[in-house]
Every structure is written in C-alpha cells, then in structure tokens.
N, C-alpha and C. Protein backbone atom coordinates (compact mmCIF):
# COMPACT_ATOMS: atom_id res chain seq x y z
N MET A 1 6.32 11.39 20.35
CA MET A 1 6.40 11.54 18.91
C MET A 1 5.47 10.52 18.25
N ARG A 2 4.66 10.97 17.34
CA ARG A 2 3.69 10.12 16.67
C ARG A 2 4.33 9.44 15.45
N VAL A 3 3.95 8.19 15.23
CA VAL A 3 4.42 7.45 14.08
C VAL A 3 3.85 8.09 12.82
N THR A 4 4.66 8.18 11.76
CA THR A 4 4.16 8.78 10.52
C THR A 4 3.06 7.91 9.92
N THR A 5 2.20 8.52 9.15
CA THR A 5 1.12 7.79 8.51
C THR A 5 1.67 6.74 7.56
N ASP A 6 2.71 7.06 6.85
CA ASP A 6 3.33 6.13 5.92
C ASP A 6 3.77 4.85 6.64
N LEU A 7 4.42 4.99 7.77
CA LEU A 7 4.88 3.84 8.55
C LEU A 7 3.69 3.08 9.13
N TRP A 8 2.68 3.80 9.62
CA TRP A 8 1.51 3.15 10.21
C TRP A 8 0.77 2.32 9.16
N VAL A 9 0.60 2.86 7.95
CA VAL A 9 -0.08 2.13 6.88
C VAL A 9 0.74 0.90 6.48
N SER A 10 2.04 1.03 6.41
CA SER A 10 2.90 -0.12 6.09
C SER A 10 2.73 -1.23 7.13
N ALA A 11 2.65 -0.85 8.40
CA ALA A 11 2.45 -1.83 9.46
C ALA A 11 1.07 -2.49 9.35
N LEU A 12 0.05 -1.72 8.99
CA LEU A 12 -1.28 -2.28 8.80
C LEU A 12 -1.26 -3.32 7.68
N LEU A 13 -0.63 -2.98 6.57
CA LEU A 13 -0.55 -3.92 5.45
C LEU A 13 0.13 -5.21 5.88
N ARG A 14 1.20 -5.12 6.63
CA ARG A 14 1.90 -6.32 7.11
C ARG A 14 1.03 -7.15 8.04
N ARG A 15 0.26 -6.47 8.92
CA ARG A 15 -0.63 -7.21 9.82
C ARG A 15 -1.71 -7.95 9.04
N VAL A 16 -2.27 -7.30 8.03
CA VAL A 16 -3.32 -7.93 7.22
C VAL A 16 -2.76 -9.13 6.46
N PHE A 17 -1.62 -8.94 5.78
CA PHE A 17 -1.01 -10.04 5.04
C PHE A 17 -0.60 -11.17 5.99
N GLY A 18 -0.10 -10.82 7.16
CA GLY A 18 0.30 -11.82 8.15
C GLY A 18 -0.88 -12.63 8.67
N ALA A 19 -2.06 -12.05 8.62
CA ALA A 19 -3.27 -12.74 9.08
C ALA A 19 -3.95 -13.51 7.94
N GLY A 20 -3.30 -13.55 6.77
CA GLY A 20 -3.85 -14.29 5.65
C GLY A 20 -4.82 -13.50 4.80
N GLY A 21 -4.88 -12.19 4.99
CA GLY A 21 -5.78 -11.35 4.22
C GLY A 21 -5.06 -10.67 3.08
N PHE A 22 -5.74 -9.70 2.48
CA PHE A 22 -5.20 -8.92 1.38
C PHE A 22 -5.40 -7.44 1.69
N ALA A 23 -4.44 -6.62 1.29
CA ALA A 23 -4.56 -5.18 1.52
C ALA A 23 -3.88 -4.43 0.38
N ALA A 24 -4.42 -3.25 0.07
CA ALA A 24 -3.83 -2.39 -0.96
C ALA A 24 -4.08 -0.94 -0.61
N VAL A 25 -3.10 -0.11 -0.94
CA VAL A 25 -3.26 1.34 -0.78
C VAL A 25 -3.95 1.85 -2.04
N VAL A 26 -5.17 2.34 -1.89
CA VAL A 26 -5.94 2.85 -3.02
C VAL A 26 -5.55 4.29 -3.32
N LYS A 27 -5.31 5.06 -2.26
CA LYS A 27 -4.88 6.45 -2.41
C LYS A 27 -3.84 6.75 -1.36
N ARG A 28 -2.70 7.21 -1.81
CA ARG A 28 -1.61 7.57 -0.91
C ARG A 28 -1.72 9.05 -0.59
N GLY A 29 -1.71 9.37 0.69
CA GLY A 29 -1.85 10.75 1.11
C GLY A 29 -0.55 11.32 1.64
N ALA A 30 -0.67 12.27 2.55
CA ALA A 30 0.49 12.93 3.14
C ALA A 30 1.30 11.92 3.96
N THR A 31 2.58 11.87 3.73
CA THR A 31 3.46 10.90 4.38
C THR A 31 3.49 11.08 5.89
N GLU A 32 3.53 12.30 6.35
CA GLU A 32 3.70 12.57 7.78
C GLU A 32 2.43 12.44 8.60
N ALA A 33 1.34 13.02 8.12
CA ALA A 33 0.17 13.09 9.00
C ALA A 33 -1.17 13.05 8.25
N GLY A 34 -1.26 12.30 7.18
CA GLY A 34 -2.53 12.21 6.46
C GLY A 34 -3.53 11.37 7.22
N ALA A 35 -4.81 11.72 7.11
CA ALA A 35 -5.87 10.93 7.74
C ALA A 35 -6.02 9.62 6.97
N VAL A 36 -6.34 8.54 7.68
CA VAL A 36 -6.46 7.22 7.06
C VAL A 36 -7.92 6.77 7.10
N PHE A 37 -8.40 6.31 5.95
CA PHE A 37 -9.71 5.68 5.83
C PHE A 37 -9.48 4.25 5.38
N VAL A 38 -10.18 3.32 6.02
CA VAL A 38 -10.01 1.90 5.70
C VAL A 38 -11.33 1.36 5.19
N LEU A 39 -11.30 0.81 3.99
CA LEU A 39 -12.45 0.18 3.38
C LEU A 39 -12.25 -1.32 3.53
N ALA A 40 -13.06 -1.94 4.39
CA ALA A 40 -12.92 -3.38 4.67
C ALA A 40 -13.98 -4.15 3.90
N ARG A 41 -13.52 -5.08 3.09
CA ARG A 41 -14.44 -5.90 2.30
C ARG A 41 -14.45 -7.31 2.87
N GLY A 42 -15.66 -7.87 2.98
CA GLY A 42 -15.82 -9.23 3.45
C GLY A 42 -15.92 -10.19 2.28
N ARG A 43 -15.80 -11.45 2.57
CA ARG A 43 -15.84 -12.49 1.53
C ARG A 43 -17.21 -12.63 0.88
N MET A 44 -18.25 -12.19 1.56
CA MET A 44 -19.61 -12.33 1.05
C MET A 44 -20.14 -11.03 0.42
N GLY A 45 -19.25 -10.06 0.18
CA GLY A 45 -19.65 -8.83 -0.48
C GLY A 45 -19.97 -7.67 0.45
N GLU A 46 -19.95 -7.89 1.75
CA GLU A 46 -20.23 -6.79 2.67
C GLU A 46 -19.03 -5.84 2.72
N ILE A 47 -19.34 -4.57 2.95
CA ILE A 47 -18.31 -3.53 2.97
C ILE A 47 -18.52 -2.68 4.22
N ALA A 48 -17.41 -2.29 4.85
CA ALA A 48 -17.46 -1.37 5.99
C ALA A 48 -16.40 -0.29 5.78
N LEU A 49 -16.77 0.93 6.08
CA LEU A 49 -15.83 2.04 5.96
C LEU A 49 -15.50 2.56 7.36
N PHE A 50 -14.21 2.61 7.64
CA PHE A 50 -13.71 3.13 8.91
C PHE A 50 -12.91 4.40 8.64
N GLY A 51 -13.11 5.40 9.50
CA GLY A 51 -12.38 6.66 9.37
C GLY A 51 -11.84 7.08 10.72
N PRO A 52 -11.08 8.16 10.73
CA PRO A 52 -10.51 8.63 11.99
C PRO A 52 -11.60 8.90 13.03
N ALA A 53 -11.36 8.45 14.24
CA ALA A 53 -12.30 8.68 15.33
C ALA A 53 -12.24 10.14 15.76
N PRO A 54 -13.32 10.65 16.34
CA PRO A 54 -13.30 12.04 16.83
C PRO A 54 -12.22 12.24 17.90
N GLN A 55 -11.76 13.45 18.01
CA GLN A 55 -10.70 13.76 18.98
C GLN A 55 -11.09 13.41 20.41
N THR A 56 -12.38 13.38 20.70
CA THR A 56 -12.83 13.05 22.05
C THR A 56 -12.56 11.59 22.40
N SER A 57 -12.23 10.77 21.41
CA SER A 57 -11.94 9.35 21.65
C SER A 57 -10.55 9.12 22.20
N TYR A 58 -9.72 10.13 22.14
CA TYR A 58 -8.33 9.96 22.52
C TYR A 58 -8.11 10.18 24.00
N ASP A 59 -7.27 9.34 24.56
CA ASP A 59 -6.90 9.43 25.97
C ASP A 59 -5.63 10.25 26.05
N SER A 60 -5.59 11.22 26.93
CA SER A 60 -4.41 12.07 27.03
C SER A 60 -3.18 11.28 27.48
N ALA A 61 -3.38 10.12 28.10
CA ALA A 61 -2.25 9.30 28.53
C ALA A 61 -1.63 8.54 27.36
N LYS A 62 -2.39 8.31 26.29
CA LYS A 62 -1.90 7.58 25.11
C LYS A 62 -2.23 8.36 23.84
N PRO A 63 -1.64 9.51 23.64
CA PRO A 63 -2.00 10.33 22.47
C PRO A 63 -1.49 9.78 21.14
N ASP A 64 -0.61 8.77 21.16
CA ASP A 64 -0.01 8.28 19.93
C ASP A 64 -0.84 7.20 19.24
N ASP A 65 -1.82 6.63 19.91
CA ASP A 65 -2.65 5.60 19.29
C ASP A 65 -3.52 6.21 18.19
N ARG A 66 -3.83 5.42 17.17
CA ARG A 66 -4.76 5.83 16.12
C ARG A 66 -6.06 5.08 16.34
N PHE A 67 -7.13 5.82 16.46
CA PHE A 67 -8.44 5.22 16.67
C PHE A 67 -9.32 5.47 15.46
N PHE A 68 -10.21 4.52 15.21
CA PHE A 68 -11.11 4.59 14.07
C PHE A 68 -12.55 4.44 14.53
N SER A 69 -13.46 5.00 13.74
CA SER A 69 -14.90 4.85 13.95
C SER A 69 -15.49 4.20 12.71
N LEU A 70 -16.50 3.40 12.91
CA LEU A 70 -17.23 2.83 11.79
C LEU A 70 -18.10 3.93 11.20
N LEU A 71 -17.85 4.27 9.94
CA LEU A 71 -18.60 5.34 9.28
C LEU A 71 -19.81 4.81 8.52
N GLY A 72 -19.80 3.53 8.21
CA GLY A 72 -20.93 2.94 7.50
C GLY A 72 -20.63 1.51 7.12
N ALA A 73 -21.69 0.75 6.91
CA ALA A 73 -21.54 -0.64 6.48
C ALA A 73 -22.71 -0.99 5.57
N GLY A 74 -22.49 -1.92 4.67
CA GLY A 74 -23.53 -2.35 3.75
C GLY A 74 -22.93 -3.14 2.61
N ASP A 75 -23.65 -3.17 1.49
CA ASP A 75 -23.15 -3.91 0.34
C ASP A 75 -23.13 -3.08 -0.94
N ASP A 76 -23.41 -1.77 -0.83
CA ASP A 76 -23.41 -0.88 -1.99
C ASP A 76 -22.11 -0.07 -2.01
N ALA A 77 -21.16 -0.50 -2.84
CA ALA A 77 -19.85 0.15 -2.90
C ALA A 77 -19.93 1.60 -3.35
N SER A 78 -20.93 1.95 -4.17
CA SER A 78 -21.02 3.32 -4.69
C SER A 78 -21.26 4.34 -3.57
N VAL A 79 -21.94 3.93 -2.51
CA VAL A 79 -22.17 4.83 -1.37
C VAL A 79 -20.84 5.20 -0.73
N PHE A 80 -19.99 4.19 -0.54
CA PHE A 80 -18.69 4.43 0.10
C PHE A 80 -17.73 5.16 -0.83
N ASP A 81 -17.80 4.86 -2.12
CA ASP A 81 -16.97 5.58 -3.08
C ASP A 81 -17.32 7.06 -3.09
N GLY A 82 -18.62 7.36 -3.03
CA GLY A 82 -19.06 8.76 -2.97
C GLY A 82 -18.57 9.45 -1.71
N ARG A 83 -18.66 8.76 -0.60
CA ARG A 83 -18.20 9.33 0.67
C ARG A 83 -16.70 9.63 0.61
N LEU A 84 -15.92 8.70 0.06
CA LEU A 84 -14.48 8.91 -0.04
C LEU A 84 -14.14 10.04 -1.01
N GLU A 85 -14.90 10.19 -2.07
CA GLU A 85 -14.66 11.30 -3.00
C GLU A 85 -14.90 12.64 -2.30
N ARG A 86 -15.96 12.71 -1.48
CA ARG A 86 -16.21 13.95 -0.73
C ARG A 86 -15.08 14.22 0.26
N GLU A 87 -14.59 13.16 0.91
CA GLU A 87 -13.47 13.33 1.85
C GLU A 87 -12.22 13.83 1.12
N LYS A 88 -11.96 13.31 -0.08
CA LYS A 88 -10.79 13.73 -0.87
C LYS A 88 -10.89 15.19 -1.27
N LYS A 89 -12.11 15.65 -1.59
CA LYS A 89 -12.29 17.06 -1.94
C LYS A 89 -12.05 17.96 -0.74
N PHE A 90 -12.46 17.49 0.44
CA PHE A 90 -12.28 18.26 1.67
C PHE A 90 -10.81 18.26 2.09
N ASP A 91 -10.16 17.09 1.98
CA ASP A 91 -8.76 16.95 2.40
C ASP A 91 -8.03 16.07 1.39
N PRO A 92 -7.29 16.66 0.45
CA PRO A 92 -6.61 15.86 -0.58
C PRO A 92 -5.46 15.00 -0.04
N ASP A 93 -5.09 15.16 1.22
CA ASP A 93 -3.97 14.40 1.80
C ASP A 93 -4.39 13.11 2.49
N ILE A 94 -5.64 12.66 2.29
CA ILE A 94 -6.08 11.44 2.98
C ILE A 94 -5.48 10.20 2.33
N TRP A 95 -5.43 9.14 3.12
CA TRP A 95 -5.04 7.81 2.66
C TRP A 95 -6.31 6.97 2.59
N VAL A 96 -6.39 6.11 1.59
CA VAL A 96 -7.47 5.13 1.52
C VAL A 96 -6.82 3.77 1.37
N VAL A 97 -7.09 2.90 2.33
CA VAL A 97 -6.54 1.54 2.33
C VAL A 97 -7.72 0.58 2.24
N GLU A 98 -7.64 -0.34 1.31
CA GLU A 98 -8.68 -1.35 1.16
C GLU A 98 -8.13 -2.68 1.66
N ILE A 99 -8.92 -3.34 2.51
CA ILE A 99 -8.46 -4.62 3.05
C ILE A 99 -9.56 -5.68 2.92
N GLU A 100 -9.10 -6.90 2.81
CA GLU A 100 -9.92 -8.09 3.01
C GLU A 100 -9.21 -8.83 4.12
N ALA A 101 -9.77 -8.74 5.31
CA ALA A 101 -9.07 -9.22 6.50
C ALA A 101 -9.01 -10.74 6.59
N GLY A 102 -9.77 -11.44 5.79
CA GLY A 102 -9.76 -12.89 5.86
C GLY A 102 -10.48 -13.37 7.10
N SER A 103 -9.85 -14.24 7.85
CA SER A 103 -10.50 -14.83 9.03
C SER A 103 -10.37 -13.97 10.29
N VAL A 104 -9.57 -12.91 10.22
CA VAL A 104 -9.34 -12.06 11.39
C VAL A 104 -10.35 -10.91 11.38
N PRO A 105 -11.03 -10.65 12.49
CA PRO A 105 -11.94 -9.50 12.53
C PRO A 105 -11.17 -8.18 12.35
N VAL A 106 -11.79 -7.25 11.68
CA VAL A 106 -11.16 -5.94 11.43
C VAL A 106 -10.78 -5.28 12.76
N GLU A 107 -11.59 -5.50 13.79
CA GLU A 107 -11.34 -4.89 15.09
C GLU A 107 -10.01 -5.36 15.71
N GLU A 108 -9.46 -6.47 15.23
CA GLU A 108 -8.15 -6.92 15.70
C GLU A 108 -7.01 -6.23 14.95
N LEU A 109 -7.33 -5.64 13.82
CA LEU A 109 -6.33 -4.95 13.01
C LEU A 109 -6.33 -3.44 13.25
N LEU A 110 -7.49 -2.89 13.60
CA LEU A 110 -7.66 -1.46 13.86
C LEU A 110 -8.17 -1.26 15.27
N SER A 111 -7.86 -0.14 15.87
CA SER A 111 -8.44 0.23 17.17
C SER A 111 -9.74 0.97 16.89
N VAL A 112 -10.86 0.26 16.96
CA VAL A 112 -12.16 0.84 16.63
C VAL A 112 -12.85 1.28 17.90
N LYS A 113 -13.26 2.54 17.92
CA LYS A 113 -13.99 3.10 19.05
C LYS A 113 -15.46 3.19 18.67
N SER A 114 -16.33 2.79 19.57
CA SER A 114 -17.77 2.94 19.30
C SER A 114 -18.16 4.38 19.60
N GLN A 115 -19.16 4.85 18.87
CA GLN A 115 -19.55 6.26 19.03
C GLN A 115 -20.60 6.44 20.06
C-alpha cells in the first residue's frame, strides 16, 4: 500500500523544518495520489525544480518509494513558474512544494534519480 500524497508531503515538510530549513505548500493537489513537484530555493538565489521520476526509475522490489528527477536549475524563477503552470493545465491535481533546505542538501530530503 502506497503512502498518500498528503501524508508524504507532511513528512517532507517536517524533515525540512527539522533540518533547519523552510517549506510551504504552494499548491495542494489530490490527497490520495497527486504528483509532487518540489521547487528548491538556495540562499544565494539559485532555484531547482524536481518532479516525479519516470516509471523506469522504479524498482519492482520497492514500488512504494517516491523518486524525483531534476527538471531544471538556474536563477530565473519565471522559467520554473511557466513550467509549473503548464503542468497544472495538464494535471490539475499536482502538488507544488517550495523548500529552502538550509544546510542540508536537497538530495538528503528527496530520493533523486539521475536521468
């Protein structure tokens, strides 16, 4: 049985706050199974957008894990805002979580798969 998206996002927020960072839900999606996008902001203005990893990233032995892929990085927030708007039009049930991880690397908070 897979953990609901609502519970998973709550756990992410607690991990970020526990690591001394800040997190906020920008858009709340479907409680049970909405896709999650994470917008990670750094202290120096850098931004990275993480989204659901392709299905090929999943191991059949551990189907309950949530994996993410880096969708883009830079310092122009409008590029990422545009990407998220297109995702919302395609799937209105997505979640958008914005984090400032502080001193902890984002890769310690999310399971990031390289493409």
